[in-house]
PDB file of N, CA and C in Angstrom:
ATOM      1  N   MET A   1       1.742   1.064  13.586  1.00  0.00           N
ATOM      2  CA  MET A   1       2.560   0.302  12.680  1.00  0.00           C
ATOM      3  C   MET A   1       2.215  -1.182  12.849  1.00  0.00           C
ATOM      4  N   LEU A   2       2.020  -1.869  11.733  1.00  0.00           N
ATOM      5  CA  LEU A   2       1.727  -3.296  11.775  1.00  0.00           C
ATOM      6  C   LEU A   2       3.006  -4.095  11.974  1.00  0.00           C
ATOM      7  N   ILE A   3       2.942  -5.032  12.894  1.00  0.00           N
ATOM      8  CA  ILE A   3       4.070  -5.910  13.192  1.00  0.00           C
ATOM      9  C   ILE A   3       3.586  -7.347  13.016  1.00  0.00           C
ATOM     10  N   PRO A   4       4.234  -8.147  12.162  1.00  0.00           N
ATOM     11  CA  PRO A   4       3.805  -9.542  12.011  1.00  0.00           C
ATOM     12  C   PRO A   4       3.911 -10.299  13.338  1.00  0.00           C
ATOM     13  N   TYR A   5       2.931 -11.145  13.584  1.00  0.00           N
ATOM     14  CA  TYR A   5       2.901 -11.940  14.801  1.00  0.00           C
ATOM     15  C   TYR A   5       4.116 -12.857  14.863  1.00  0.00           C
ATOM     16  N   LYS A   6       4.686 -12.968  16.054  1.00  0.00           N
ATOM     17  CA  LYS A   6       5.762 -13.912  16.359  1.00  0.00           C
ATOM     18  C   LYS A   6       5.396 -14.594  17.662  1.00  0.00           C
ATOM     19  N   LYS A   7       5.938 -15.765  17.869  1.00  0.00           N
ATOM     20  CA  LYS A   7       5.668 -16.531  19.090  1.00  0.00           C
ATOM     21  C   LYS A   7       5.950 -15.698  20.343  1.00  0.00           C
ATOM     22  N   GLU A   8       6.956 -14.856  20.295  1.00  0.00           N
ATOM     23  CA  GLU A   8       7.306 -14.043  21.464  1.00  0.00           C
ATOM     24  C   GLU A   8       6.215 -13.022  21.817  1.00  0.00           C
ATOM     25  N   TYR A   9       5.298 -12.764  20.884  1.00  0.00           N
ATOM     26  CA  TYR A   9       4.193 -11.839  21.123  1.00  0.00           C
ATOM     27  C   TYR A   9       2.907 -12.557  21.530  1.00  0.00           C
ATOM     28  N   GLU A  10       2.988 -13.840  21.789  1.00  0.00           N
ATOM     29  CA  GLU A  10       1.779 -14.629  22.036  1.00  0.00           C
ATOM     30  C   GLU A  10       0.921 -14.072  23.172  1.00  0.00           C
ATOM     31  N   LYS A  11       1.512 -13.775  24.306  1.00  0.00           N
ATOM     32  CA  LYS A  11       0.724 -13.272  25.444  1.00  0.00           C
ATOM     33  C   LYS A  11       0.090 -11.923  25.131  1.00  0.00           C
ATOM     34  N   ILE A  12       0.814 -11.082  24.431  1.00  0.00           N
ATOM     35  CA  ILE A  12       0.266  -9.777  24.052  1.00  0.00           C
ATOM     36  C   ILE A  12      -0.914  -9.971  23.105  1.00  0.00           C
ATOM     37  N   ALA A  13      -0.716 -10.829  22.096  1.00  0.00           N
ATOM     38  CA  ALA A  13      -1.791 -11.085  21.128  1.00  0.00           C
ATOM     39  C   ALA A  13      -3.009 -11.690  21.817  1.00  0.00           C
ATOM     40  N   MET A  14      -2.786 -12.606  22.729  1.00  0.00           N
ATOM     41  CA  MET A  14      -3.899 -13.224  23.445  1.00  0.00           C
ATOM     42  C   MET A  14      -4.644 -12.183  24.276  1.00  0.00           C
ATOM     43  N   GLY A  15      -3.910 -11.307  24.926  1.00  0.00           N
ATOM     44  CA  GLY A  15      -4.546 -10.252  25.714  1.00  0.00           C
ATOM     45  C   GLY A  15      -5.397  -9.343  24.853  1.00  0.00           C
ATOM     46  N   LEU A  16      -4.875  -8.973  23.691  1.00  0.00           N
ATOM     47  CA  LEU A  16      -5.634  -8.104  22.789  1.00  0.00           C
ATOM     48  C   LEU A  16      -6.845  -8.831  22.207  1.00  0.00           C
ATOM     49  N   LEU A  17      -6.682 -10.084  21.826  1.00  0.00           N
ATOM     50  CA  LEU A  17      -7.810 -10.859  21.295  1.00  0.00           C
ATOM     51  C   LEU A  17      -8.911 -11.040  22.333  1.00  0.00           C
ATOM     52  N   SER A  18      -8.552 -10.988  23.602  1.00  0.00           N
ATOM     53  CA  SER A  18      -9.567 -11.156  24.649  1.00  0.00           C
ATOM     54  C   SER A  18     -10.563  -9.996  24.665  1.00  0.00           C
ATOM     55  N   PHE A  19     -10.233  -8.888  24.005  1.00  0.00           N
ATOM     56  CA  PHE A  19     -11.152  -7.752  23.928  1.00  0.00           C
ATOM     57  C   PHE A  19     -12.226  -7.941  22.864  1.00  0.00           C
ATOM     58  N   MET A  20     -12.091  -8.974  22.049  1.00  0.00           N
ATOM     59  CA  MET A  20     -13.083  -9.230  21.002  1.00  0.00           C
ATOM     60  C   MET A  20     -14.293  -9.940  21.590  1.00  0.00           C
ATOM     61  N   PRO A  21     -15.475  -9.625  21.086  1.00  0.00           N
ATOM     62  CA  PRO A  21     -16.677 -10.352  21.546  1.00  0.00           C
ATOM     63  C   PRO A  21     -16.530 -11.843  21.234  1.00  0.00           C
ATOM     64  N   GLY A  22     -16.884 -12.665  22.190  1.00  0.00           N
ATOM     65  CA  GLY A  22     -16.815 -14.114  21.986  1.00  0.00           C
ATOM     66  C   GLY A  22     -15.437 -14.704  22.174  1.00  0.00           C
ATOM     67  N   GLU A  23     -14.472 -13.909  22.537  1.00  0.00           N
ATOM     68  CA  GLU A  23     -13.097 -14.408  22.703  1.00  0.00           C
ATOM     69  C   GLU A  23     -12.626 -14.270  24.152  1.00  0.00           C
ATOM     70  N   LYS A  24     -13.498 -14.502  25.095  1.00  0.00           N
ATOM     71  CA  LYS A  24     -13.139 -14.286  26.498  1.00  0.00           C
ATOM     72  C   LYS A  24     -12.406 -15.475  27.135  1.00  0.00           C
ATOM     73  N   LYS A  25     -12.696 -16.690  26.664  1.00  0.00           N
ATOM     74  CA  LYS A  25     -12.091 -17.866  27.277  1.00  0.00           C
ATOM     75  C   LYS A  25     -10.689 -18.104  26.726  1.00  0.00           C
ATOM     76  N   VAL A  26      -9.757 -18.379  27.634  1.00  0.00           N
ATOM     77  CA  VAL A  26      -8.361 -18.575  27.260  1.00  0.00           C
ATOM     78  C   VAL A  26      -8.229 -19.690  26.221  1.00  0.00           C
ATOM     79  N   GLN A  27      -8.991 -20.749  26.391  1.00  0.00           N
ATOM     80  CA  GLN A  27      -8.930 -21.874  25.462  1.00  0.00           C
ATOM     81  C   GLN A  27      -9.320 -21.449  24.039  1.00  0.00           C
ATOM     82  N   LYS A  28     -10.353 -20.647  23.916  1.00  0.00           N
ATOM     83  CA  LYS A  28     -10.809 -20.162  22.609  1.00  0.00           C
ATOM     84  C   LYS A  28      -9.769 -19.234  21.991  1.00  0.00           C
ATOM     85  N   ILE A  29      -9.199 -18.377  22.796  1.00  0.00           N
ATOM     86  CA  ILE A  29      -8.169 -17.453  22.307  1.00  0.00           C
ATOM     87  C   ILE A  29      -6.945 -18.243  21.841  1.00  0.00           C
ATOM     88  N   GLN A  30      -6.559 -19.260  22.597  1.00  0.00           N
ATOM     89  CA  GLN A  30      -5.416 -20.088  22.225  1.00  0.00           C
ATOM     90  C   GLN A  30      -5.681 -20.812  20.901  1.00  0.00           C
ATOM     91  N   GLN A  31      -6.907 -21.278  20.707  1.00  0.00           N
ATOM     92  CA  GLN A  31      -7.265 -21.926  19.441  1.00  0.00           C
ATOM     93  C   GLN A  31      -7.133 -20.943  18.274  1.00  0.00           C
ATOM     94  N   THR A  32      -7.552 -19.713  18.490  1.00  0.00           N
ATOM     95  CA  THR A  32      -7.442 -18.690  17.450  1.00  0.00           C
ATOM     96  C   THR A  32      -5.971 -18.448  17.101  1.00  0.00           C
ATOM     97  N   ILE A  33      -5.137 -18.277  18.110  1.00  0.00           N
ATOM     98  CA  ILE A  33      -3.698 -18.066  17.899  1.00  0.00           C
ATOM     99  C   ILE A  33      -3.104 -19.267  17.172  1.00  0.00           C
ATOM    100  N   ASP A  34      -3.445 -20.466  17.616  1.00  0.00           N
ATOM    101  CA  ASP A  34      -2.920 -21.686  16.997  1.00  0.00           C
ATOM    102  C   ASP A  34      -3.313 -21.777  15.531  1.00  0.00           C
ATOM    103  N   HIS A  35      -4.539 -21.361  15.226  1.00  0.00           N
ATOM    104  CA  HIS A  35      -4.996 -21.394  13.828  1.00  0.00           C
ATOM    105  C   HIS A  35      -4.154 -20.454  12.971  1.00  0.00           C
ATOM    106  N   TYR A  36      -3.891 -19.253  13.458  1.00  0.00           N
ATOM    107  CA  TYR A  36      -3.053 -18.318  12.716  1.00  0.00           C
ATOM    108  C   TYR A  36      -1.641 -18.869  12.530  1.00  0.00           C
ATOM    109  N   ARG A  37      -1.106 -19.503  13.552  1.00  0.00           N
ATOM    110  CA  ARG A  37       0.251 -20.045  13.473  1.00  0.00           C
ATOM    111  C   ARG A  37       0.347 -21.214  12.510  1.00  0.00           C
ATOM    112  N   ALA A  38      -0.666 -22.069  12.495  1.00  0.00           N
ATOM    113  CA  ALA A  38      -0.619 -23.305  11.704  1.00  0.00           C
ATOM    114  C   ALA A  38      -0.979 -23.092  10.234  1.00  0.00           C
ATOM    115  N   SER A  39      -1.711 -22.059   9.949  1.00  0.00           N
ATOM    116  CA  SER A  39      -2.212 -21.848   8.595  1.00  0.00           C
ATOM    117  C   SER A  39      -1.238 -21.028   7.750  1.00  0.00           C
ATOM    118  N   ASN A  40      -1.128 -21.393   6.487  1.00  0.00           N
ATOM    119  CA  ASN A  40      -0.322 -20.598   5.557  1.00  0.00           C
ATOM    120  C   ASN A  40      -1.107 -19.441   4.970  1.00  0.00           C
ATOM    121  N   SER A  41      -2.428 -19.490   5.113  1.00  0.00           N
ATOM    122  CA  SER A  41      -3.258 -18.451   4.505  1.00  0.00           C
ATOM    123  C   SER A  41      -3.844 -17.464   5.523  1.00  0.00           C
ATOM    124  N   TRP A  42      -3.700 -17.739   6.803  1.00  0.00           N
ATOM    125  CA  TRP A  42      -4.175 -16.821   7.846  1.00  0.00           C
ATOM    126  C   TRP A  42      -2.964 -16.112   8.435  1.00  0.00           C
ATOM    127  N   HIS A  43      -3.071 -14.783   8.574  1.00  0.00           N
ATOM    128  CA  HIS A  43      -1.940 -13.973   9.033  1.00  0.00           C
ATOM    129  C   HIS A  43      -2.402 -13.004  10.122  1.00  0.00           C
ATOM    130  N   LEU A  44      -1.620 -12.931  11.174  1.00  0.00           N
ATOM    131  CA  LEU A  44      -1.948 -12.094  12.323  1.00  0.00           C
ATOM    132  C   LEU A  44      -0.885 -11.007  12.470  1.00  0.00           C
ATOM    133  N   TYR A  45      -1.351  -9.789  12.760  1.00  0.00           N
ATOM    134  CA  TYR A  45      -0.458  -8.647  12.949  1.00  0.00           C
ATOM    135  C   TYR A  45      -0.849  -7.909  14.223  1.00  0.00           C
ATOM    136  N   LEU A  46       0.155  -7.386  14.894  1.00  0.00           N
ATOM    137  CA  LEU A  46      -0.095  -6.532  16.049  1.00  0.00           C
ATOM    138  C   LEU A  46       0.127  -5.092  15.612  1.00  0.00           C
ATOM    139  N   TRP A  47      -0.588  -4.174  16.251  1.00  0.00           N
ATOM    140  CA  TRP A  47      -0.452  -2.746  15.951  1.00  0.00           C
ATOM    141  C   TRP A  47       0.302  -2.091  17.091  1.00  0.00           C
ATOM    142  N   ARG A  48       1.400  -1.444  16.727  1.00  0.00           N
ATOM    143  CA  ARG A  48       2.210  -0.725  17.712  1.00  0.00           C
ATOM    144  C   ARG A  48       1.997   0.767  17.490  1.00  0.00           C
ATOM    145  N   ASN A  49       1.615   1.466  18.567  1.00  0.00           N
ATOM    146  CA  ASN A  49       1.381   2.908  18.436  1.00  0.00           C
ATOM    147  C   ASN A  49       2.699   3.681  18.494  1.00  0.00           C
ATOM    148  N   GLU A  50       2.592   4.992  18.435  1.00  0.00           N
ATOM    149  CA  GLU A  50       3.781   5.844  18.411  1.00  0.00           C
ATOM    150  C   GLU A  50       4.612   5.729  19.690  1.00  0.00           C
ATOM    151  N   ASP A  51       3.965   5.344  20.793  1.00  0.00           N
ATOM    152  CA  ASP A  51       4.667   5.184  22.066  1.00  0.00           C
ATOM    153  C   ASP A  51       5.370   3.840  22.191  1.00  0.00           C
ATOM    154  N   GLY A  52       5.213   2.981  21.171  1.00  0.00           N
ATOM    155  CA  GLY A  52       5.845   1.667  21.201  1.00  0.00           C
ATOM    156  C   GLY A  52       5.012   0.598  21.877  1.00  0.00           C
ATOM    157  N   ARG A  53       3.777   0.922  22.228  1.00  0.00           N
ATOM    158  CA  ARG A  53       2.896  -0.050  22.891  1.00  0.00           C
ATOM    159  C   ARG A  53       2.076  -0.800  21.857  1.00  0.00           C
ATOM    160  N   PHE A  54       1.883  -2.096  22.109  1.00  0.00           N
ATOM    161  CA  PHE A  54       0.983  -2.874  21.278  1.00  0.00           C
ATOM    162  C   PHE A  54      -0.434  -2.604  21.758  1.00  0.00           C
ATOM    163  N   VAL A  55      -1.263  -2.045  20.882  1.00  0.00           N
ATOM    164  CA  VAL A  55      -2.613  -1.645  21.298  1.00  0.00           C
ATOM    165  C   VAL A  55      -3.714  -2.256  20.440  1.00  0.00           C
ATOM    166  N   GLY A  56      -3.341  -3.035  19.436  1.00  0.00           N
ATOM    167  CA  GLY A  56      -4.360  -3.642  18.582  1.00  0.00           C
ATOM    168  C   GLY A  56      -3.835  -4.880  17.897  1.00  0.00           C
ATOM    169  N   VAL A  57      -4.773  -5.619  17.332  1.00  0.00           N
ATOM    170  CA  VAL A  57      -4.422  -6.819  16.579  1.00  0.00           C
ATOM    171  C   VAL A  57      -5.382  -6.937  15.398  1.00  0.00           C
ATOM    172  N   VAL A  58      -4.850  -7.382  14.269  1.00  0.00           N
ATOM    173  CA  VAL A  58      -5.655  -7.585  13.070  1.00  0.00           C
ATOM    174  C   VAL A  58      -5.242  -8.909  12.445  1.00  0.00           C
ATOM    175  N   GLY A  59      -6.244  -9.673  12.031  1.00  0.00           N
ATOM    176  CA  GLY A  59      -5.997 -10.956  11.393  1.00  0.00           C
ATOM    177  C   GLY A  59      -6.697 -11.025  10.058  1.00  0.00           C
ATOM    178  N   VAL A  60      -5.995 -11.564   9.065  1.00  0.00           N
ATOM    179  CA  VAL A  60      -6.555 -11.683   7.725  1.00  0.00           C
ATOM    180  C   VAL A  60      -6.405 -13.106   7.219  1.00  0.00           C
ATOM    181  N   GLU A  61      -7.263 -13.434   6.254  1.00  0.00           N
ATOM    182  CA  GLU A  61      -7.173 -14.712   5.552  1.00  0.00           C
ATOM    183  C   GLU A  61      -6.971 -14.414   4.074  1.00  0.00           C
ATOM    184  N   GLU A  62      -5.906 -14.958   3.548  1.00  0.00           N
ATOM    185  CA  GLU A  62      -5.585 -14.781   2.139  1.00  0.00           C
ATOM    186  C   GLU A  62      -6.244 -15.908   1.340  1.00  0.00           C
ATOM    187  N   SER A  63      -6.993 -15.526   0.300  1.00  0.00           N
ATOM    188  CA  SER A  63      -7.567 -16.536  -0.591  1.00  0.00           C
ATOM    189  C   SER A  63      -7.120 -16.215  -2.014  1.00  0.00           C
ATOM    190  N   ASP A  64      -7.556 -17.015  -2.967  1.00  0.00           N
ATOM    191  CA  ASP A  64      -7.127 -16.812  -4.357  1.00  0.00           C
ATOM    192  C   ASP A  64      -7.553 -15.461  -4.912  1.00  0.00           C
ATOM    193  N   ASP A  65      -8.736 -15.004  -4.530  1.00  0.00           N
ATOM    194  CA  ASP A  65      -9.270 -13.802  -5.151  1.00  0.00           C
ATOM    195  C   ASP A  65      -9.385 -12.591  -4.239  1.00  0.00           C
ATOM    196  N   CYS A  66      -9.134 -12.746  -2.943  1.00  0.00           N
ATOM    197  CA  CYS A  66      -9.236 -11.594  -2.046  1.00  0.00           C
ATOM    198  C   CYS A  66      -8.550 -11.875  -0.709  1.00  0.00           C
ATOM    199  N   VAL A  67      -8.532 -10.848   0.123  1.00  0.00           N
ATOM    200  CA  VAL A  67      -8.008 -10.961   1.490  1.00  0.00           C
ATOM    201  C   VAL A  67      -9.140 -10.578   2.429  1.00  0.00           C
ATOM    202  N   TYR A  68      -9.508 -11.506   3.296  1.00  0.00           N
ATOM    203  CA  TYR A  68     -10.609 -11.301   4.230  1.00  0.00           C
ATOM    204  C   TYR A  68     -10.105 -10.750   5.550  1.00  0.00           C
ATOM    205  N   LEU A  69     -10.815  -9.777   6.082  1.00  0.00           N
ATOM    206  CA  LEU A  69     -10.564  -9.312   7.439  1.00  0.00           C
ATOM    207  C   LEU A  69     -11.258 -10.289   8.375  1.00  0.00           C
ATOM    208  N   ARG A  70     -10.493 -11.023   9.156  1.00  0.00           N
ATOM    209  CA  ARG A  70     -11.041 -12.024  10.072  1.00  0.00           C
ATOM    210  C   ARG A  70     -11.214 -11.486  11.488  1.00  0.00           C
ATOM    211  N   ASP A  71     -10.201 -10.835  11.982  1.00  0.00           N
ATOM    212  CA  ASP A  71     -10.215 -10.347  13.369  1.00  0.00           C
ATOM    213  C   ASP A  71      -9.627  -8.947  13.414  1.00  0.00           C
ATOM    214  N   LEU A  72     -10.187  -8.118  14.284  1.00  0.00           N
ATOM    215  CA  LEU A  72      -9.640  -6.793  14.517  1.00  0.00           C
ATOM    216  C   LEU A  72     -10.140  -6.317  15.870  1.00  0.00           C
ATOM    217  N   THR A  73      -9.209  -5.890  16.691  1.00  0.00           N
ATOM    218  CA  THR A  73      -9.592  -5.319  17.978  1.00  0.00           C
ATOM    219  C   THR A  73      -8.529  -4.332  18.440  1.00  0.00           C
ATOM    220  N   VAL A  74      -8.978  -3.390  19.251  1.00  0.00           N
ATOM    221  CA  VAL A  74      -8.104  -2.372  19.828  1.00  0.00           C
ATOM    222  C   VAL A  74      -8.321  -2.378  21.336  1.00  0.00           C
ATOM    223  N   ASP A  75      -7.247  -2.225  22.074  1.00  0.00           N
ATOM    224  CA  ASP A  75      -7.322  -2.113  23.525  1.00  0.00           C
ATOM    225  C   ASP A  75      -8.352  -1.022  23.862  1.00  0.00           C
ATOM    226  N   PRO A  76      -9.303  -1.315  24.754  1.00  0.00           N
ATOM    227  CA  PRO A  76     -10.343  -0.325  25.082  1.00  0.00           C
ATOM    228  C   PRO A  76      -9.800   1.039  25.508  1.00  0.00           C
ATOM    229  N   SER A  77      -8.620   1.072  26.093  1.00  0.00           N
ATOM    230  CA  SER A  77      -8.034   2.352  26.513  1.00  0.00           C
ATOM    231  C   SER A  77      -7.645   3.235  25.340  1.00  0.00           C
ATOM    232  N   TYR A  78      -7.558   2.648  24.145  1.00  0.00           N
ATOM    233  CA  TYR A  78      -7.118   3.385  22.960  1.00  0.00           C
ATOM    234  C   TYR A  78      -8.204   3.477  21.892  1.00  0.00           C
ATOM    235  N   ARG A  79      -9.417   3.121  22.229  1.00  0.00           N
ATOM    236  CA  ARG A  79     -10.503   3.168  21.254  1.00  0.00           C
ATOM    237  C   ARG A  79     -10.959   4.607  21.010  1.00  0.00           C
ATOM    238  N   ASN A  80     -11.664   4.791  19.923  1.00  0.00           N
ATOM    239  CA  ASN A  80     -12.190   6.098  19.498  1.00  0.00           C
ATOM    240  C   ASN A  80     -11.083   7.097  19.165  1.00  0.00           C
ATOM    241  N   GLU A  81      -9.926   6.567  18.755  1.00  0.00           N
ATOM    242  CA  GLU A  81      -8.814   7.412  18.320  1.00  0.00           C
ATOM    243  C   GLU A  81      -8.497   7.191  16.843  1.00  0.00           C
ATOM    244  N   GLY A  82      -9.297   6.354  16.170  1.00  0.00           N
ATOM    245  CA  GLY A  82      -9.065   6.072  14.756  1.00  0.00           C
ATOM    246  C   GLY A  82      -8.038   4.994  14.484  1.00  0.00           C
ATOM    247  N   ILE A  83      -7.613   4.304  15.520  1.00  0.00           N
ATOM    248  CA  ILE A  83      -6.577   3.276  15.356  1.00  0.00           C
ATOM    249  C   ILE A  83      -7.072   2.131  14.479  1.00  0.00           C
ATOM    250  N   ALA A  84      -8.282   1.658  14.695  1.00  0.00           N
ATOM    251  CA  ALA A  84      -8.797   0.536  13.902  1.00  0.00           C
ATOM    252  C   ALA A  84      -8.848   0.905  12.427  1.00  0.00           C
ATOM    253  N   ASN A  85      -9.241   2.120  12.126  1.00  0.00           N
ATOM    254  CA  ASN A  85      -9.276   2.570  10.744  1.00  0.00           C
ATOM    255  C   ASN A  85      -7.866   2.593  10.147  1.00  0.00           C
ATOM    256  N   LYS A  86      -6.893   3.060  10.918  1.00  0.00           N
ATOM    257  CA  LYS A  86      -5.500   3.065  10.471  1.00  0.00           C
ATOM    258  C   LYS A  86      -5.013   1.633  10.247  1.00  0.00           C
ATOM    259  N   MET A  87      -5.425   0.725  11.121  1.00  0.00           N
ATOM    260  CA  MET A  87      -5.021  -0.672  10.976  1.00  0.00           C
ATOM    261  C   MET A  87      -5.557  -1.252   9.668  1.00  0.00           C
ATOM    262  N   VAL A  88      -6.812  -0.944   9.365  1.00  0.00           N
ATOM    263  CA  VAL A  88      -7.411  -1.422   8.113  1.00  0.00           C
ATOM    264  C   VAL A  88      -6.648  -0.853   6.920  1.00  0.00           C
ATOM    265  N   LYS A  89      -6.411   0.440   6.934  1.00  0.00           N
ATOM    266  CA  LYS A  89      -5.710   1.084   5.810  1.00  0.00           C
ATOM    267  C   LYS A  89      -4.308   0.499   5.623  1.00  0.00           C
ATOM    268  N   ASP A  90      -3.572   0.348   6.724  1.00  0.00           N
ATOM    269  CA  ASP A  90      -2.212  -0.191   6.622  1.00  0.00           C
ATOM    270  C   ASP A  90      -2.208  -1.650   6.175  1.00  0.00           C
ATOM    271  N   THR A  91      -3.222  -2.397   6.585  1.00  0.00           N
ATOM    272  CA  THR A  91      -3.329  -3.794   6.146  1.00  0.00           C
ATOM    273  C   THR A  91      -3.607  -3.842   4.645  1.00  0.00           C
ATOM    274  N   GLU A  92      -4.455  -2.946   4.171  1.00  0.00           N
ATOM    275  CA  GLU A  92      -4.736  -2.890   2.739  1.00  0.00           C
ATOM    276  C   GLU A  92      -3.491  -2.484   1.940  1.00  0.00           C
ATOM    277  N   VAL A  93      -2.703  -1.574   2.470  1.00  0.00           N
ATOM    278  CA  VAL A  93      -1.453  -1.189   1.813  1.00  0.00           C
ATOM    279  C   VAL A  93      -0.494  -2.379   1.799  1.00  0.00           C
ATOM    280  N   LEU A  94      -0.379  -3.061   2.911  1.00  0.00           N
ATOM    281  CA  LEU A  94       0.514  -4.216   3.011  1.00  0.00           C
ATOM    282  C   LEU A  94       0.142  -5.298   2.000  1.00  0.00           C
ATOM    283  N   TRP A  95      -1.144  -5.582   1.890  1.00  0.00           N
ATOM    284  CA  TRP A  95      -1.613  -6.648   1.003  1.00  0.00           C
ATOM    285  C   TRP A  95      -1.919  -6.133  -0.408  1.00  0.00           C
ATOM    286  N   LYS A  96      -1.791  -4.838  -0.611  1.00  0.00           N
ATOM    287  CA  LYS A  96      -2.029  -4.218  -1.924  1.00  0.00           C
ATOM    288  C   LYS A  96      -3.405  -4.557  -2.486  1.00  0.00           C
ATOM    289  N   THR A  97      -4.398  -4.565  -1.600  1.00  0.00           N
ATOM    290  CA  THR A  97      -5.775  -4.823  -2.007  1.00  0.00           C
ATOM    291  C   THR A  97      -6.735  -4.317  -0.942  1.00  0.00           C
ATOM    292  N   GLU A  98      -7.956  -4.079  -1.347  1.00  0.00           N
ATOM    293  CA  GLU A  98      -8.995  -3.707  -0.395  1.00  0.00           C
ATOM    294  C   GLU A  98      -9.434  -4.964   0.354  1.00  0.00           C
ATOM    295  N   LEU A  99      -9.585  -4.855   1.657  1.00  0.00           N
ATOM    296  CA  LEU A  99     -10.019  -5.999   2.452  1.00  0.00           C
ATOM    297  C   LEU A  99     -11.483  -6.304   2.196  1.00  0.00           C
ATOM    298  N   THR A 100     -11.813  -7.579   2.284  1.00  0.00           N
ATOM    299  CA  THR A 100     -13.186  -8.046   2.153  1.00  0.00           C
ATOM    300  C   THR A 100     -13.664  -8.469   3.533  1.00  0.00           C
ATOM    301  N   GLY A 101     -14.856  -8.090   3.881  1.00  0.00           N
ATOM    302  CA  GLY A 101     -15.400  -8.439   5.184  1.00  0.00           C
ATOM    303  C   GLY A 101     -15.992  -9.844   5.213  1.00  0.00           C
ATOM    304  N   THR A 102     -16.040 -10.405   6.390  1.00  0.00           N
ATOM    305  CA  THR A 102     -16.738 -11.658   6.625  1.00  0.00           C
ATOM    306  C   THR A 102     -18.092 -11.292   7.231  1.00  0.00           C
ATOM    307  N   THR A 103     -18.871 -12.286   7.616  1.00  0.00           N
ATOM    308  CA  THR A 103     -20.161 -11.972   8.232  1.00  0.00           C
ATOM    309  C   THR A 103     -19.978 -11.155   9.506  1.00  0.00           C
ATOM    310  N   THR A 104     -18.857 -11.329  10.197  1.00  0.00           N
ATOM    311  CA  THR A 104     -18.641 -10.591  11.441  1.00  0.00           C
ATOM    312  C   THR A 104     -17.877  -9.278  11.247  1.00  0.00           C
ATOM    313  N   THR A 105     -17.159  -9.118  10.141  1.00  0.00           N
ATOM    314  CA  THR A 105     -16.367  -7.888   9.956  1.00  0.00           C
ATOM    315  C   THR A 105     -16.880  -6.981   8.845  1.00  0.00           C
ATOM    316  N   HIS A 106     -17.849  -7.438   8.093  1.00  0.00           N
ATOM    317  CA  HIS A 106     -18.381  -6.676   6.956  1.00  0.00           C
ATOM    318  C   HIS A 106     -18.858  -5.278   7.369  1.00  0.00           C
ATOM    319  N   TYR A 107     -19.656  -5.198   8.412  1.00  0.00           N
ATOM    320  CA  TYR A 107     -20.217  -3.906   8.826  1.00  0.00           C
ATOM    321  C   TYR A 107     -19.139  -2.946   9.317  1.00  0.00           C
ATOM    322  N   PHE A 108     -18.130  -3.480   9.964  1.00  0.00           N
ATOM    323  CA  PHE A 108     -17.042  -2.622  10.417  1.00  0.00           C
ATOM    324  C   PHE A 108     -16.299  -2.022   9.222  1.00  0.00           C
ATOM    325  N   LEU A 109     -16.012  -2.841   8.208  1.00  0.00           N
ATOM    326  CA  LEU A 109     -15.331  -2.321   7.024  1.00  0.00           C
ATOM    327  C   LEU A 109     -16.173  -1.265   6.320  1.00  0.00           C
ATOM    328  N   GLU A 110     -17.480  -1.481   6.263  1.00  0.00           N
ATOM    329  CA  GLU A 110     -18.370  -0.485   5.660  1.00  0.00           C
ATOM    330  C   GLU A 110     -18.312   0.827   6.451  1.00  0.00           C
ATOM    331  N   HIS A 111     -18.273   0.715   7.768  1.00  0.00           N
ATOM    332  CA  HIS A 111     -18.166   1.895   8.637  1.00  0.00           C
ATOM    333  C   HIS A 111     -16.867   2.656   8.329  1.00  0.00           C
ATOM    334  N   CYS A 112     -15.770   1.931   8.162  1.00  0.00           N
ATOM    335  CA  CYS A 112     -14.489   2.570   7.845  1.00  0.00           C
ATOM    336  C   CYS A 112     -14.566   3.317   6.514  1.00  0.00           C
ATOM    337  N   LYS A 113     -15.191   2.698   5.517  1.00  0.00           N
ATOM    338  CA  LYS A 113     -15.314   3.334   4.203  1.00  0.00           C
ATOM    339  C   LYS A 113     -16.165   4.603   4.284  1.00  0.00           C
ATOM    340  N   GLU A 114     -17.251   4.535   5.029  1.00  0.00           N
ATOM    341  CA  GLU A 114     -18.111   5.713   5.189  1.00  0.00           C
ATOM    342  C   GLU A 114     -17.368   6.837   5.901  1.00  0.00           C
ATOM    343  N   LYS A 115     -16.614   6.478   6.912  1.00  0.00           N
ATOM    344  CA  LYS A 115     -15.838   7.474   7.658  1.00  0.00           C
ATOM    345  C   LYS A 115     -14.827   8.150   6.733  1.00  0.00           C
ATOM    346  N   ASP A 116     -14.174   7.348   5.880  1.00  0.00           N
ATOM    347  CA  ASP A 116     -13.216   7.908   4.923  1.00  0.00           C
ATOM    348  C   ASP A 116     -13.894   8.878   3.959  1.00  0.00           C
ATOM    349  N   LYS A 117     -15.090   8.513   3.489  1.00  0.00           N
ATOM    350  CA  LYS A 117     -15.822   9.384   2.564  1.00  0.00           C
ATOM    351  C   LYS A 117     -16.128  10.730   3.212  1.00  0.00           C
ATOM    352  N   HIS A 118     -16.565  10.693   4.468  1.00  0.00           N
ATOM    353  CA  HIS A 118     -16.907  11.933   5.175  1.00  0.00           C
ATOM    354  C   HIS A 118     -15.658  12.779   5.418  1.00  0.00           C
ATOM    355  N   GLU A 119     -14.542  12.129   5.743  1.00  0.00           N
ATOM    356  CA  GLU A 119     -13.304  12.863   5.977  1.00  0.00           C
ATOM    357  C   GLU A 119     -12.819  13.527   4.696  1.00  0.00           C
ATOM    358  N   LYS A 120     -12.939  12.807   3.561  1.00  0.00           N
ATOM    359  CA  LYS A 120     -12.510  13.373   2.293  1.00  0.00           C
ATOM    360  C   LYS A 120     -13.384  14.547   1.872  1.00  0.00           C
ATOM    361  N   LYS A 121     -14.688  14.446   2.125  1.00  0.00           N
ATOM    362  CA  LYS A 121     -15.588  15.552   1.809  1.00  0.00           C
ATOM    363  C   LYS A 121     -15.253  16.775   2.648  1.00  0.00           C
ATOM    364  N   GLY A 122     -14.871  16.550   3.902  1.00  0.00           N
ATOM    365  CA  GLY A 122     -14.527  17.648   4.796  1.00  0.00           C
ATOM    366  C   GLY A 122     -13.246  18.342   4.388  1.00  0.00           C
ATOM    367  N   GLU A 123     -12.364  17.622   3.696  1.00  0.00           N
ATOM    368  CA  GLU A 123     -11.087  18.196   3.251  1.00  0.00           C
ATOM    369  C   GLU A 123     -11.254  19.027   1.993  1.00  0.00           C
ATOM    370  N   SER A 124     -12.307  18.746   1.208  1.00  0.00           N
ATOM    371  CA  SER A 124     -12.491  19.456  -0.072  1.00  0.00           C
ATOM    372  C   SER A 124     -12.801  20.910   0.123  1.00  0.00           C
TER     373      SER A 124
END
C-alpha cells in the first residue's frame, strides 16, 4: 500500500533510499528527501506491506504532460517478490496515468511492462 511521505517517516525513507545505487551518503540522501519536501511537483511515497512494514519507496515528478518515475527501491530482504511492480501499478492508479521513465528508470519500467505481458499471456 502506498503511503504519502510525512516528516515522521524521514528516517525510514532515508534508510530505504540508501538501497538505491548512488544514494549511499547520508548527505546525498538528505538532499533527495529535502527536494521531495520542498517541491510541489515531486512526490514521495512509502510502500507498506501486508505485515505493516515499510519495505519500499517510490518517488515521482509531476509535469504538465506526464508523471515521471524518479526513484524506486525495495528493501533487499523483500526483493524478487514483485513488490516493485506492485508499487509501479499502484502509483499509476493513484496518478491515473502510465508512468514515464527517466534515463535511470526507463529500463525498469520497460521490464515491468514486459513482465505484465508475460503474466497476461500465461493467464489466457
